Amino acid sequence: MLVLMEKKDRAHAIAVLDQMGLNQIADWIKALPDHKWERMFLSRWPTLAKKCGISETE
């Protein structure tokens, strides 16, 4: 079964971080403005962002 997931989904990134036990980072993402969260997440934690499906190249 193939499940397609939309990239850049804030709720998915938060859920993945919560599953990894990184609740403080998830809370930080929740508090960020909608128009800035992706860029800030990528700049501070690029490896975590990639694991959450967020990438620079779109």
Protein backbone atom coordinates (compact mmCIF):
# COMPACT_ATOMS: atom_id res chain seq x y z
CA MET A 1 0.00 0.00 0.00
CA LEU A 2 1.35 3.39 -0.99
CA VAL A 3 0.45 6.36 1.16
CA LEU A 4 1.08 9.79 -0.30
CA MET A 5 1.70 12.56 2.15
CA GLU A 6 1.73 16.25 1.36
CA LYS A 7 5.12 17.78 2.05
CA LYS A 8 5.36 20.88 4.17
CA ASP A 9 2.51 19.83 6.41
CA ARG A 10 2.93 21.58 9.74
CA ALA A 11 0.66 19.16 11.61
CA HIS A 12 2.63 16.18 10.31
CA ALA A 13 5.95 17.75 11.34
CA ILE A 14 4.61 18.40 14.83
CA ALA A 15 3.30 14.82 15.10
CA VAL A 16 6.64 13.35 13.99
CA LEU A 17 8.53 15.49 16.49
CA ASP A 18 6.14 14.44 19.27
CA GLN A 19 6.66 10.77 18.37
CA MET A 20 10.42 11.32 18.56
CA GLY A 21 10.03 12.82 22.03
CA LEU A 22 10.97 16.31 20.83
CA ASN A 23 7.95 18.05 22.31
CA GLN A 24 9.77 21.33 22.98
CA ILE A 25 10.67 21.71 19.30
CA ALA A 26 7.11 20.76 18.34
CA ASP A 27 5.78 23.44 20.69
CA TRP A 28 8.22 25.95 19.18
CA ILE A 29 6.89 25.17 15.69
CA LYS A 30 3.31 25.58 16.91
CA ALA A 31 4.18 29.05 18.21
CA LEU A 32 5.81 30.25 14.99
CA PRO A 33 3.85 32.34 12.48
CA ASP A 34 2.38 30.42 9.54
CA HIS A 35 4.51 32.21 6.97
CA LYS A 36 7.83 31.63 8.79
CA TRP A 37 7.76 28.19 10.39
CA GLU A 38 9.21 26.21 7.45
CA ARG A 39 12.15 28.52 6.83
CA MET A 40 12.98 28.78 10.52
CA PHE A 41 12.68 25.01 11.07
CA LEU A 42 14.95 24.32 8.08
CA SER A 43 17.54 26.86 9.16
CA ARG A 44 17.79 25.63 12.75
CA TRP A 45 17.27 21.86 12.40
CA PRO A 46 17.76 20.82 8.76
CA THR A 47 18.11 17.10 9.55
CA LEU A 48 14.96 17.04 11.67
CA ALA A 49 13.09 19.01 9.03
CA LYS A 50 14.07 16.45 6.40
CA LYS A 51 12.83 13.61 8.62
CA CYS A 52 9.53 15.46 8.91
CA GLY A 53 9.19 15.78 5.12
CA ILE A 54 10.25 19.41 4.89
CA SER A 55 12.90 20.19 2.28
CA GLU A 56 14.36 23.28 0.66
CA THR A 57 13.89 22.17 -2.93
CA GLU A 58 10.31 22.23 -4.11
